[in-house]
Amino acid sequence: LQIWQQNLNALLVAQELLMNSQDITNHDLLIIQEPYINFLYNTRTSHRWHVLYPTNHLTHPQERSQAITFVNTSLDTNTWRQIPFPSSDVVIVQVTGNFGACTIVNIYNDCTHQNTL
């Protein structure tokens, strides 16, 4: 698995630059903290990525989602699944293959508290 991790400081321009970058073409997962979220509570992406929001993203919109994970559409959807977790700061995805199962936990920590942990 090739994984790219980045904090985007909630900037649309940073997210658009990342989505259009050739650097991420061969990556399987993008682990993003502080993504751009618009007024409809959606982020921006391209057709090359599935977006995984925190489990409570739509049920608790007042808690801004601080972590999202993009899964490359080239990965077979039968080889990965999101694992529910009750936080706007956490996205968990499990990928399976010949190597077994690999669980990736995307955690946003704002450094003012440890509520997420």
PDB file of N, CA and C in Angstrom:
ATOM      1  N   LEU A   1       0.830  -1.182   0.000  1.00  0.00           N
ATOM      2  CA  LEU A   1       0.000   0.000   0.000  1.00  0.00           C
ATOM      3  C   LEU A   1       0.873   1.244   0.000  1.00  0.00           C
ATOM      4  N   GLN A   2       0.481   2.215  -0.801  1.00  0.00           N
ATOM      5  CA  GLN A   2       1.159   3.503  -0.788  1.00  0.00           C
ATOM      6  C   GLN A   2       0.198   4.521  -0.193  1.00  0.00           C
ATOM      7  N   ILE A   3       0.651   5.200   0.860  1.00  0.00           N
ATOM      8  CA  ILE A   3      -0.205   6.116   1.608  1.00  0.00           C
ATOM      9  C   ILE A   3       0.424   7.504   1.628  1.00  0.00           C
ATOM     10  N   TRP A   4      -0.409   8.516   1.357  1.00  0.00           N
ATOM     11  CA  TRP A   4       0.002   9.918   1.423  1.00  0.00           C
ATOM     12  C   TRP A   4      -0.764  10.546   2.584  1.00  0.00           C
ATOM     13  N   GLN A   5      -0.059  11.247   3.483  1.00  0.00           N
ATOM     14  CA  GLN A   5      -0.694  11.917   4.614  1.00  0.00           C
ATOM     15  C   GLN A   5      -0.391  13.400   4.534  1.00  0.00           C
ATOM     16  N   GLN A   6      -1.428  14.244   4.784  1.00  0.00           N
ATOM     17  CA  GLN A   6      -1.208  15.685   4.725  1.00  0.00           C
ATOM     18  C   GLN A   6      -2.289  16.429   5.502  1.00  0.00           C
ATOM     19  N   ASN A   7      -1.895  17.522   6.154  1.00  0.00           N
ATOM     20  CA  ASN A   7      -2.841  18.452   6.767  1.00  0.00           C
ATOM     21  C   ASN A   7      -3.037  19.583   5.770  1.00  0.00           C
ATOM     22  N   LEU A   8      -4.293  19.857   5.402  1.00  0.00           N
ATOM     23  CA  LEU A   8      -4.593  20.859   4.377  1.00  0.00           C
ATOM     24  C   LEU A   8      -5.045  22.199   4.960  1.00  0.00           C
ATOM     25  N   ASN A   9      -5.073  22.325   6.285  1.00  0.00           N
ATOM     26  CA  ASN A   9      -5.460  23.579   6.937  1.00  0.00           C
ATOM     27  C   ASN A   9      -6.810  24.105   6.450  1.00  0.00           C
ATOM     28  N   ALA A  10      -7.692  23.208   6.041  1.00  0.00           N
ATOM     29  CA  ALA A  10      -9.052  23.546   5.579  1.00  0.00           C
ATOM     30  C   ALA A  10      -9.058  24.489   4.377  1.00  0.00           C
ATOM     31  N   LEU A  11      -7.992  24.502   3.603  1.00  0.00           N
ATOM     32  CA  LEU A  11      -7.867  25.407   2.457  1.00  0.00           C
ATOM     33  C   LEU A  11      -8.281  24.714   1.158  1.00  0.00           C
ATOM     34  N   LEU A  12      -9.229  25.305   0.449  1.00  0.00           N
ATOM     35  CA  LEU A  12      -9.664  24.767  -0.832  1.00  0.00           C
ATOM     36  C   LEU A  12      -8.500  24.697  -1.816  1.00  0.00           C
ATOM     37  N   VAL A  13      -7.691  25.738  -1.881  1.00  0.00           N
ATOM     38  CA  VAL A  13      -6.582  25.756  -2.840  1.00  0.00           C
ATOM     39  C   VAL A  13      -5.591  24.621  -2.551  1.00  0.00           C
ATOM     40  N   ALA A  14      -5.339  24.331  -1.286  1.00  0.00           N
ATOM     41  CA  ALA A  14      -4.429  23.231  -0.932  1.00  0.00           C
ATOM     42  C   ALA A  14      -5.017  21.890  -1.366  1.00  0.00           C
ATOM     43  N   GLN A  15      -6.314  21.717  -1.178  1.00  0.00           N
ATOM     44  CA  GLN A  15      -6.966  20.466  -1.563  1.00  0.00           C
ATOM     45  C   GLN A  15      -6.986  20.307  -3.075  1.00  0.00           C
ATOM     46  N   GLU A  16      -7.285  21.386  -3.814  1.00  0.00           N
ATOM     47  CA  GLU A  16      -7.287  21.308  -5.277  1.00  0.00           C
ATOM     48  C   GLU A  16      -5.893  21.018  -5.819  1.00  0.00           C
ATOM     49  N   LEU A  17      -4.874  21.627  -5.228  1.00  0.00           N
ATOM     50  CA  LEU A  17      -3.497  21.330  -5.656  1.00  0.00           C
ATOM     51  C   LEU A  17      -3.163  19.858  -5.429  1.00  0.00           C
ATOM     52  N   LEU A  18      -3.565  19.333  -4.283  1.00  0.00           N
ATOM     53  CA  LEU A  18      -3.305  17.923  -3.994  1.00  0.00           C
ATOM     54  C   LEU A  18      -4.043  17.017  -4.980  1.00  0.00           C
ATOM     55  N   MET A  19      -5.328  17.281  -5.201  1.00  0.00           N
ATOM     56  CA  MET A  19      -6.131  16.431  -6.088  1.00  0.00           C
ATOM     57  C   MET A  19      -5.619  16.437  -7.531  1.00  0.00           C
ATOM     58  N   ASN A  20      -4.979  17.518  -7.936  1.00  0.00           N
ATOM     59  CA  ASN A  20      -4.471  17.624  -9.307  1.00  0.00           C
ATOM     60  C   ASN A  20      -2.985  17.318  -9.426  1.00  0.00           C
ATOM     61  N   SER A  21      -2.386  16.903  -8.329  1.00  0.00           N
ATOM     62  CA  SER A  21      -0.950  16.630  -8.314  1.00  0.00           C
ATOM     63  C   SER A  21      -0.631  15.256  -8.904  1.00  0.00           C
ATOM     64  N   GLN A  22       0.435  15.192  -9.671  1.00  0.00           N
ATOM     65  CA  GLN A  22       0.907  13.906 -10.191  1.00  0.00           C
ATOM     66  C   GLN A  22       1.551  13.069  -9.086  1.00  0.00           C
ATOM     67  N   ASP A  23       1.938  13.719  -7.985  1.00  0.00           N
ATOM     68  CA  ASP A  23       2.597  13.018  -6.880  1.00  0.00           C
ATOM     69  C   ASP A  23       1.724  11.940  -6.257  1.00  0.00           C
ATOM     70  N   ILE A  24       0.406  12.087  -6.318  1.00  0.00           N
ATOM     71  CA  ILE A  24      -0.484  11.132  -5.649  1.00  0.00           C
ATOM     72  C   ILE A  24      -1.042  10.066  -6.587  1.00  0.00           C
ATOM     73  N   THR A  25      -0.671  10.115  -7.845  1.00  0.00           N
ATOM     74  CA  THR A  25      -1.247   9.219  -8.851  1.00  0.00           C
ATOM     75  C   THR A  25      -1.145   7.750  -8.470  1.00  0.00           C
ATOM     76  N   ASN A  26      -0.023   7.333  -7.917  1.00  0.00           N
ATOM     77  CA  ASN A  26       0.192   5.915  -7.613  1.00  0.00           C
ATOM     78  C   ASN A  26      -0.122   5.559  -6.164  1.00  0.00           C
ATOM     79  N   HIS A  27      -0.704   6.474  -5.428  1.00  0.00           N
ATOM     80  CA  HIS A  27      -1.033   6.191  -4.033  1.00  0.00           C
ATOM     81  C   HIS A  27      -2.399   5.523  -3.929  1.00  0.00           C
ATOM     82  N   ASP A  28      -2.515   4.653  -2.935  1.00  0.00           N
ATOM     83  CA  ASP A  28      -3.762   3.931  -2.704  1.00  0.00           C
ATOM     84  C   ASP A  28      -4.687   4.680  -1.759  1.00  0.00           C
ATOM     85  N   LEU A  29      -4.098   5.350  -0.778  1.00  0.00           N
ATOM     86  CA  LEU A  29      -4.872   6.070   0.229  1.00  0.00           C
ATOM     87  C   LEU A  29      -4.294   7.455   0.437  1.00  0.00           C
ATOM     88  N   LEU A  30      -5.172   8.433   0.623  1.00  0.00           N
ATOM     89  CA  LEU A  30      -4.776   9.773   1.042  1.00  0.00           C
ATOM     90  C   LEU A  30      -5.377   9.974   2.427  1.00  0.00           C
ATOM     91  N   ILE A  31      -4.534  10.182   3.402  1.00  0.00           N
ATOM     92  CA  ILE A  31      -4.955  10.358   4.787  1.00  0.00           C
ATOM     93  C   ILE A  31      -4.877  11.856   5.070  1.00  0.00           C
ATOM     94  N   ILE A  32      -6.024  12.502   5.184  1.00  0.00           N
ATOM     95  CA  ILE A  32      -6.077  13.964   5.237  1.00  0.00           C
ATOM     96  C   ILE A  32      -6.621  14.449   6.578  1.00  0.00           C
ATOM     97  N   GLN A  33      -5.927  15.434   7.144  1.00  0.00           N
ATOM     98  CA  GLN A  33      -6.418  16.138   8.315  1.00  0.00           C
ATOM     99  C   GLN A  33      -6.735  17.577   7.894  1.00  0.00           C
ATOM    100  N   GLU A  34      -7.722  18.150   8.577  1.00  0.00           N
ATOM    101  CA  GLU A  34      -8.222  19.490   8.276  1.00  0.00           C
ATOM    102  C   GLU A  34      -8.519  19.663   6.782  1.00  0.00           C
ATOM    103  N   PRO A  35      -9.407  18.821   6.231  1.00  0.00           N
ATOM    104  CA  PRO A  35      -9.774  18.948   4.820  1.00  0.00           C
ATOM    105  C   PRO A  35     -10.661  20.169   4.585  1.00  0.00           C
ATOM    106  N   TYR A  36     -10.753  20.562   3.335  1.00  0.00           N
ATOM    107  CA  TYR A  36     -11.717  21.594   2.960  1.00  0.00           C
ATOM    108  C   TYR A  36     -13.107  20.963   3.005  1.00  0.00           C
ATOM    109  N   ILE A  37     -14.038  21.601   3.709  1.00  0.00           N
ATOM    110  CA  ILE A  37     -15.434  21.166   3.775  1.00  0.00           C
ATOM    111  C   ILE A  37     -16.291  22.374   3.399  1.00  0.00           C
ATOM    112  N   ASN A  38     -17.190  22.212   2.415  1.00  0.00           N
ATOM    113  CA  ASN A  38     -18.000  23.350   1.977  1.00  0.00           C
ATOM    114  C   ASN A  38     -19.258  23.501   2.841  1.00  0.00           C
ATOM    115  N   PHE A  39     -20.101  24.467   2.491  1.00  0.00           N
ATOM    116  CA  PHE A  39     -21.297  24.769   3.272  1.00  0.00           C
ATOM    117  C   PHE A  39     -22.330  23.643   3.246  1.00  0.00           C
ATOM    118  N   LEU A  40     -22.204  22.709   2.314  1.00  0.00           N
ATOM    119  CA  LEU A  40     -23.087  21.542   2.261  1.00  0.00           C
ATOM    120  C   LEU A  40     -22.483  20.345   3.006  1.00  0.00           C
ATOM    121  N   TYR A  41     -21.380  20.588   3.708  1.00  0.00           N
ATOM    122  CA  TYR A  41     -20.671  19.564   4.485  1.00  0.00           C
ATOM    123  C   TYR A  41     -20.000  18.513   3.609  1.00  0.00           C
ATOM    124  N   ASN A  42     -19.645  18.897   2.391  1.00  0.00           N
ATOM    125  CA  ASN A  42     -18.944  18.003   1.474  1.00  0.00           C
ATOM    126  C   ASN A  42     -17.532  18.521   1.232  1.00  0.00           C
ATOM    127  N   THR A  43     -16.657  17.608   0.841  1.00  0.00           N
ATOM    128  CA  THR A  43     -15.312  17.988   0.462  1.00  0.00           C
ATOM    129  C   THR A  43     -15.217  17.961  -1.056  1.00  0.00           C
ATOM    130  N   ARG A  44     -14.056  18.254  -1.588  1.00  0.00           N
ATOM    131  CA  ARG A  44     -13.843  18.196  -3.038  1.00  0.00           C
ATOM    132  C   ARG A  44     -12.862  17.074  -3.351  1.00  0.00           C
ATOM    133  N   THR A  45     -13.119  16.418  -4.465  1.00  0.00           N
ATOM    134  CA  THR A  45     -12.227  15.354  -4.918  1.00  0.00           C
ATOM    135  C   THR A  45     -12.368  15.226  -6.422  1.00  0.00           C
ATOM    136  N   SER A  46     -11.723  14.207  -6.971  1.00  0.00           N
ATOM    137  CA  SER A  46     -11.871  13.915  -8.395  1.00  0.00           C
ATOM    138  C   SER A  46     -12.478  12.523  -8.535  1.00  0.00           C
ATOM    139  N   HIS A  47     -12.726  12.134  -9.773  1.00  0.00           N
ATOM    140  CA  HIS A  47     -13.329  10.818 -10.039  1.00  0.00           C
ATOM    141  C   HIS A  47     -12.395   9.672  -9.664  1.00  0.00           C
ATOM    142  N   ARG A  48     -11.140   9.961  -9.349  1.00  0.00           N
ATOM    143  CA  ARG A  48     -10.161   8.914  -9.022  1.00  0.00           C
ATOM    144  C   ARG A  48     -10.207   8.465  -7.570  1.00  0.00           C
ATOM    145  N   TRP A  49     -11.075   9.093  -6.752  1.00  0.00           N
ATOM    146  CA  TRP A  49     -11.053   8.817  -5.317  1.00  0.00           C
ATOM    147  C   TRP A  49     -12.453   8.606  -4.743  1.00  0.00           C
ATOM    148  N   HIS A  50     -12.557   7.609  -3.851  1.00  0.00           N
ATOM    149  CA  HIS A  50     -13.729   7.446  -2.998  1.00  0.00           C
ATOM    150  C   HIS A  50     -13.445   8.248  -1.731  1.00  0.00           C
ATOM    151  N   VAL A  51     -14.444   8.950  -1.222  1.00  0.00           N
ATOM    152  CA  VAL A  51     -14.267   9.743  -0.004  1.00  0.00           C
ATOM    153  C   VAL A  51     -14.853   8.994   1.184  1.00  0.00           C
ATOM    154  N   LEU A  52     -14.051   8.845   2.235  1.00  0.00           N
ATOM    155  CA  LEU A  52     -14.536   8.269   3.485  1.00  0.00           C
ATOM    156  C   LEU A  52     -14.554   9.376   4.534  1.00  0.00           C
ATOM    157  N   TYR A  53     -15.747   9.763   4.940  1.00  0.00           N
ATOM    158  CA  TYR A  53     -15.922  10.754   5.992  1.00  0.00           C
ATOM    159  C   TYR A  53     -15.973  10.032   7.337  1.00  0.00           C
ATOM    160  N   PRO A  54     -15.776  10.760   8.436  1.00  0.00           N
ATOM    161  CA  PRO A  54     -16.010  10.131   9.747  1.00  0.00           C
ATOM    162  C   PRO A  54     -17.436   9.578   9.808  1.00  0.00           C
ATOM    163  N   THR A  55     -17.618   8.542  10.583  1.00  0.00           N
ATOM    164  CA  THR A  55     -18.905   7.860  10.667  1.00  0.00           C
ATOM    165  C   THR A  55     -20.053   8.809  10.995  1.00  0.00           C
ATOM    166  N   ASN A  56     -19.820   9.782  11.879  1.00  0.00           N
ATOM    167  CA  ASN A  56     -20.896  10.679  12.295  1.00  0.00           C
ATOM    168  C   ASN A  56     -20.923  11.991  11.505  1.00  0.00           C
ATOM    169  N   HIS A  57     -20.306  12.023  10.340  1.00  0.00           N
ATOM    170  CA  HIS A  57     -20.210  13.244   9.537  1.00  0.00           C
ATOM    171  C   HIS A  57     -21.584  13.861   9.237  1.00  0.00           C
ATOM    172  N   LEU A  58     -22.542  13.067   8.842  1.00  0.00           N
ATOM    173  CA  LEU A  58     -23.867  13.596   8.492  1.00  0.00           C
ATOM    174  C   LEU A  58     -24.814  13.699   9.677  1.00  0.00           C
ATOM    175  N   THR A  59     -24.596  12.878  10.698  1.00  0.00           N
ATOM    176  CA  THR A  59     -25.494  12.904  11.850  1.00  0.00           C
ATOM    177  C   THR A  59     -25.117  13.981  12.863  1.00  0.00           C
ATOM    178  N   HIS A  60     -23.878  14.473  12.810  1.00  0.00           N
ATOM    179  CA  HIS A  60     -23.413  15.524  13.725  1.00  0.00           C
ATOM    180  C   HIS A  60     -22.677  16.613  12.933  1.00  0.00           C
ATOM    181  N   PRO A  61     -23.371  17.303  12.015  1.00  0.00           N
ATOM    182  CA  PRO A  61     -22.685  18.297  11.178  1.00  0.00           C
ATOM    183  C   PRO A  61     -22.117  19.482  11.958  1.00  0.00           C
ATOM    184  N   GLN A  62     -22.613  19.711  13.177  1.00  0.00           N
ATOM    185  CA  GLN A  62     -22.077  20.794  13.994  1.00  0.00           C
ATOM    186  C   GLN A  62     -20.638  20.497  14.429  1.00  0.00           C
ATOM    187  N   GLU A  63     -20.252  19.235  14.429  1.00  0.00           N
ATOM    188  CA  GLU A  63     -18.880  18.835  14.738  1.00  0.00           C
ATOM    189  C   GLU A  63     -18.141  18.690  13.411  1.00  0.00           C
ATOM    190  N   ARG A  64     -17.423  19.706  13.019  1.00  0.00           N
ATOM    191  CA  ARG A  64     -16.736  19.712  11.725  1.00  0.00           C
ATOM    192  C   ARG A  64     -15.803  18.509  11.602  1.00  0.00           C
ATOM    193  N   SER A  65     -15.923  17.787  10.494  1.00  0.00           N
ATOM    194  CA  SER A  65     -15.046  16.639  10.242  1.00  0.00           C
ATOM    195  C   SER A  65     -13.622  17.126  10.024  1.00  0.00           C
ATOM    196  N   GLN A  66     -12.728  16.679  10.875  1.00  0.00           N
ATOM    197  CA  GLN A  66     -11.333  17.110  10.807  1.00  0.00           C
ATOM    198  C   GLN A  66     -10.420  16.075  10.158  1.00  0.00           C
ATOM    199  N   ALA A  67     -10.975  14.925   9.815  1.00  0.00           N
ATOM    200  CA  ALA A  67     -10.198  13.879   9.147  1.00  0.00           C
ATOM    201  C   ALA A  67     -11.063  13.256   8.060  1.00  0.00           C
ATOM    202  N   ILE A  68     -10.471  13.043   6.903  1.00  0.00           N
ATOM    203  CA  ILE A  68     -11.123  12.265   5.848  1.00  0.00           C
ATOM    204  C   ILE A  68     -10.059  11.393   5.202  1.00  0.00           C
ATOM    205  N   THR A  69     -10.515  10.331   4.589  1.00  0.00           N
ATOM    206  CA  THR A  69      -9.614   9.424   3.889  1.00  0.00           C
ATOM    207  C   THR A  69     -10.137   9.239   2.477  1.00  0.00           C
ATOM    208  N   PHE A  70      -9.246   9.366   1.515  1.00  0.00           N
ATOM    209  CA  PHE A  70      -9.572   9.102   0.117  1.00  0.00           C
ATOM    210  C   PHE A  70      -9.007   7.735  -0.244  1.00  0.00           C
ATOM    211  N   VAL A  71      -9.824   6.898  -0.884  1.00  0.00           N
ATOM    212  CA  VAL A  71      -9.384   5.580  -1.350  1.00  0.00           C
ATOM    213  C   VAL A  71      -9.366   5.611  -2.868  1.00  0.00           C
ATOM    214  N   ASN A  72      -8.248   5.244  -3.457  1.00  0.00           N
ATOM    215  CA  ASN A  72      -8.100   5.246  -4.912  1.00  0.00           C
ATOM    216  C   ASN A  72      -9.136   4.303  -5.531  1.00  0.00           C
ATOM    217  N   THR A  73      -9.819   4.769  -6.575  1.00  0.00           N
ATOM    218  CA  THR A  73     -10.839   3.943  -7.230  1.00  0.00           C
ATOM    219  C   THR A  73     -10.236   2.722  -7.922  1.00  0.00           C
ATOM    220  N   SER A  74      -8.919   2.695  -8.067  1.00  0.00           N
ATOM    221  CA  SER A  74      -8.284   1.515  -8.664  1.00  0.00           C
ATOM    222  C   SER A  74      -8.247   0.338  -7.689  1.00  0.00           C
ATOM    223  N   LEU A  75      -8.457   0.600  -6.401  1.00  0.00           N
ATOM    224  CA  LEU A  75      -8.542  -0.493  -5.428  1.00  0.00           C
ATOM    225  C   LEU A  75      -9.928  -1.127  -5.513  1.00  0.00           C
ATOM    226  N   ASP A  76      -9.962  -2.434  -5.641  1.00  0.00           N
ATOM    227  CA  ASP A  76     -11.216  -3.175  -5.691  1.00  0.00           C
ATOM    228  C   ASP A  76     -12.014  -2.901  -4.417  1.00  0.00           C
ATOM    229  N   THR A  77     -13.257  -2.509  -4.539  1.00  0.00           N
ATOM    230  CA  THR A  77     -14.070  -2.187  -3.364  1.00  0.00           C
ATOM    231  C   THR A  77     -14.328  -3.406  -2.472  1.00  0.00           C
ATOM    232  N   ASN A  78     -14.055  -4.600  -2.973  1.00  0.00           N
ATOM    233  CA  ASN A  78     -14.177  -5.805  -2.154  1.00  0.00           C
ATOM    234  C   ASN A  78     -12.963  -6.007  -1.251  1.00  0.00           C
ATOM    235  N   THR A  79     -11.918  -5.181  -1.415  1.00  0.00           N
ATOM    236  CA  THR A  79     -10.691  -5.353  -0.634  1.00  0.00           C
ATOM    237  C   THR A  79     -10.545  -4.334   0.490  1.00  0.00           C
ATOM    238  N   TRP A  80     -11.518  -3.451   0.659  1.00  0.00           N
ATOM    239  CA  TRP A  80     -11.432  -2.479   1.753  1.00  0.00           C
ATOM    240  C   TRP A  80     -12.820  -2.174   2.293  1.00  0.00           C
ATOM    241  N   ARG A  81     -12.849  -1.715   3.545  1.00  0.00           N
ATOM    242  CA  ARG A  81     -14.107  -1.326   4.182  1.00  0.00           C
ATOM    243  C   ARG A  81     -13.822  -0.298   5.259  1.00  0.00           C
ATOM    244  N   GLN A  82     -14.791   0.597   5.457  1.00  0.00           N
ATOM    245  CA  GLN A  82     -14.672   1.563   6.539  1.00  0.00           C
ATOM    246  C   GLN A  82     -15.182   0.921   7.814  1.00  0.00           C
ATOM    247  N   ILE A  83     -14.473   1.156   8.898  1.00  0.00           N
ATOM    248  CA  ILE A  83     -14.883   0.654  10.205  1.00  0.00           C
ATOM    249  C   ILE A  83     -15.482   1.821  10.988  1.00  0.00           C
ATOM    250  N   PRO A  84     -16.727   1.699  11.440  1.00  0.00           N
ATOM    251  CA  PRO A  84     -17.378   2.800  12.156  1.00  0.00           C
ATOM    252  C   PRO A  84     -16.621   3.182  13.438  1.00  0.00           C
ATOM    253  N   PHE A  85     -16.574   4.496  13.700  1.00  0.00           N
ATOM    254  CA  PHE A  85     -15.971   5.015  14.925  1.00  0.00           C
ATOM    255  C   PHE A  85     -16.664   6.332  15.243  1.00  0.00           C
ATOM    256  N   PRO A  86     -17.153   6.524  16.474  1.00  0.00           N
ATOM    257  CA  PRO A  86     -17.990   7.686  16.812  1.00  0.00           C
ATOM    258  C   PRO A  86     -17.205   8.971  17.111  1.00  0.00           C
ATOM    259  N   SER A  87     -16.531   9.503  16.109  1.00  0.00           N
ATOM    260  CA  SER A  87     -15.792  10.750  16.295  1.00  0.00           C
ATOM    261  C   SER A  87     -15.677  11.482  14.965  1.00  0.00           C
ATOM    262  N   SER A  88     -15.733  12.809  15.006  1.00  0.00           N
ATOM    263  CA  SER A  88     -15.528  13.616  13.801  1.00  0.00           C
ATOM    264  C   SER A  88     -14.056  13.749  13.458  1.00  0.00           C
ATOM    265  N   ASP A  89     -13.207  13.234  14.332  1.00  0.00           N
ATOM    266  CA  ASP A  89     -11.762  13.361  14.156  1.00  0.00           C
ATOM    267  C   ASP A  89     -11.077  12.059  13.756  1.00  0.00           C
ATOM    268  N   VAL A  90     -11.866  11.019  13.452  1.00  0.00           N
ATOM    269  CA  VAL A  90     -11.280   9.703  13.171  1.00  0.00           C
ATOM    270  C   VAL A  90     -11.972   9.048  11.981  1.00  0.00           C
ATOM    271  N   VAL A  91     -11.160   8.497  11.075  1.00  0.00           N
ATOM    272  CA  VAL A  91     -11.651   7.646   9.985  1.00  0.00           C
ATOM    273  C   VAL A  91     -10.800   6.379  10.007  1.00  0.00           C
ATOM    274  N   ILE A  92     -11.469   5.237  10.026  1.00  0.00           N
ATOM    275  CA  ILE A  92     -10.753   3.957  10.048  1.00  0.00           C
ATOM    276  C   ILE A  92     -11.124   3.169   8.802  1.00  0.00           C
ATOM    277  N   VAL A  93     -10.106   2.674   8.103  1.00  0.00           N
ATOM    278  CA  VAL A  93     -10.332   1.837   6.926  1.00  0.00           C
ATOM    279  C   VAL A  93      -9.485   0.577   7.075  1.00  0.00           C
ATOM    280  N   GLN A  94     -10.051  -0.543   6.690  1.00  0.00           N
ATOM    281  CA  GLN A  94      -9.316  -1.804   6.723  1.00  0.00           C
ATOM    282  C   GLN A  94      -9.183  -2.320   5.296  1.00  0.00           C
ATOM    283  N   VAL A  95      -7.942  -2.616   4.919  1.00  0.00           N
ATOM    284  CA  VAL A  95      -7.635  -3.122   3.587  1.00  0.00           C
ATOM    285  C   VAL A  95      -7.169  -4.563   3.737  1.00  0.00           C
ATOM    286  N   THR A  96      -7.683  -5.452   2.871  1.00  0.00           N
ATOM    287  CA  THR A  96      -7.274  -6.858   2.916  1.00  0.00           C
ATOM    288  C   THR A  96      -6.654  -7.257   1.583  1.00  0.00           C
ATOM    289  N   GLY A  97      -5.792  -8.239   1.654  1.00  0.00           N
ATOM    290  CA  GLY A  97      -5.123  -8.744   0.454  1.00  0.00           C
ATOM    291  C   GLY A  97      -4.302  -9.965   0.796  1.00  0.00           C
ATOM    292  N   ASN A  98      -3.356 -10.307  -0.070  1.00  0.00           N
ATOM    293  CA  ASN A  98      -2.469 -11.451   0.170  1.00  0.00           C
ATOM    294  C   ASN A  98      -1.685 -11.302   1.467  1.00  0.00           C
ATOM    295  N   PHE A  99      -1.515 -10.083   1.918  1.00  0.00           N
ATOM    296  CA  PHE A  99      -0.758  -9.763   3.130  1.00  0.00           C
ATOM    297  C   PHE A  99      -1.587  -9.941   4.399  1.00  0.00           C
ATOM    298  N   GLY A 100      -2.874 -10.189   4.253  1.00  0.00           N
ATOM    299  CA  GLY A 100      -3.777 -10.269   5.393  1.00  0.00           C
ATOM    300  C   GLY A 100      -4.619  -9.012   5.469  1.00  0.00           C
ATOM    301  N   ALA A 101      -4.861  -8.532   6.677  1.00  0.00           N
ATOM    302  CA  ALA A 101      -5.648  -7.319   6.876  1.00  0.00           C
ATOM    303  C   ALA A 101      -4.768  -6.225   7.470  1.00  0.00           C
ATOM    304  N   CYS A 102      -4.923  -5.022   6.962  1.00  0.00           N
ATOM    305  CA  CYS A 102      -4.183  -3.863   7.451  1.00  0.00           C
ATOM    306  C   CYS A 102      -5.211  -2.790   7.813  1.00  0.00           C
ATOM    307  N   THR A 103      -5.210  -2.354   9.063  1.00  0.00           N
ATOM    308  CA  THR A 103      -6.142  -1.337   9.524  1.00  0.00           C
ATOM    309  C   THR A 103      -5.409  -0.006   9.643  1.00  0.00           C
ATOM    310  N   ILE A 104      -5.923   1.002   8.958  1.00  0.00           N
ATOM    311  CA  ILE A 104      -5.318   2.330   8.963  1.00  0.00           C
ATOM    312  C   ILE A 104      -6.257   3.258   9.714  1.00  0.00           C
ATOM    313  N   VAL A 105      -5.726   3.924  10.719  1.00  0.00           N
ATOM    314  CA  VAL A 105      -6.509   4.838  11.547  1.00  0.00           C
ATOM    315  C   VAL A 105      -6.036   6.259  11.268  1.00  0.00           C
ATOM    316  N   ASN A 106      -6.926   7.075  10.737  1.00  0.00           N
ATOM    317  CA  ASN A 106      -6.648   8.484  10.454  1.00  0.00           C
ATOM    318  C   ASN A 106      -7.220   9.292  11.612  1.00  0.00           C
ATOM    319  N   ILE A 107      -6.329   9.870  12.435  1.00  0.00           N
ATOM    320  CA  ILE A 107      -6.747  10.626  13.618  1.00  0.00           C
ATOM    321  C   ILE A 107      -6.287  12.071  13.491  1.00  0.00           C
ATOM    322  N   TYR A 108      -7.207  12.995  13.729  1.00  0.00           N
ATOM    323  CA  TYR A 108      -6.861  14.402  13.839  1.00  0.00           C
ATOM    324  C   TYR A 108      -6.786  14.737  15.323  1.00  0.00           C
ATOM    325  N   ASN A 109      -5.677  15.337  15.740  1.00  0.00           N
ATOM    326  CA  ASN A 109      -5.498  15.773  17.115  1.00  0.00           C
ATOM    327  C   ASN A 109      -5.132  17.241  17.078  1.00  0.00           C
ATOM    328  N   ASP A 110      -5.986  18.098  17.642  1.00  0.00           N
ATOM    329  CA  ASP A 110      -5.731  19.542  17.547  1.00  0.00           C
ATOM    330  C   ASP A 110      -4.741  20.056  18.588  1.00  0.00           C
ATOM    331  N   CYS A 111      -4.194  19.199  19.392  1.00  0.00           N
ATOM    332  CA  CYS A 111      -3.131  19.509  20.356  1.00  0.00           C
ATOM    333  C   CYS A 111      -3.602  20.340  21.555  1.00  0.00           C
ATOM    334  N   THR A 112      -4.895  20.624  21.665  1.00  0.00           N
ATOM    335  CA  THR A 112      -5.383  21.346  22.840  1.00  0.00           C
ATOM    336  C   THR A 112      -6.051  20.407  23.839  1.00  0.00           C
ATOM    337  N   HIS A 113      -6.304  19.157  23.432  1.00  0.00           N
ATOM    338  CA  HIS A 113      -6.915  18.166  24.321  1.00  0.00           C
ATOM    339  C   HIS A 113      -6.630  16.778  23.759  1.00  0.00           C
ATOM    340  N   GLN A 114      -6.980  15.765  24.519  1.00  0.00           N
ATOM    341  CA  GLN A 114      -6.787  14.386  24.067  1.00  0.00           C
ATOM    342  C   GLN A 114      -8.111  13.639  24.031  1.00  0.00           C
ATOM    343  N   ASN A 115      -9.199  14.342  23.749  1.00  0.00           N
ATOM    344  CA  ASN A 115     -10.528  13.741  23.732  1.00  0.00           C
ATOM    345  C   ASN A 115     -10.637  12.613  22.726  1.00  0.00           C
ATOM    346  N   THR A 116      -9.967  12.740  21.586  1.00  0.00           N
ATOM    347  CA  THR A 116     -10.045  11.715  20.552  1.00  0.00           C
ATOM    348  C   THR A 116      -9.397  10.420  21.008  1.00  0.00           C
ATOM    349  N   LEU A 117      -8.295  10.531  21.726  1.00  0.00           N
ATOM    350  CA  LEU A 117      -7.578   9.349  22.172  1.00  0.00           C
ATOM    351  C   LEU A 117      -8.277   8.742  23.372  1.00  0.00           C
TER     352      LEU A 117
END
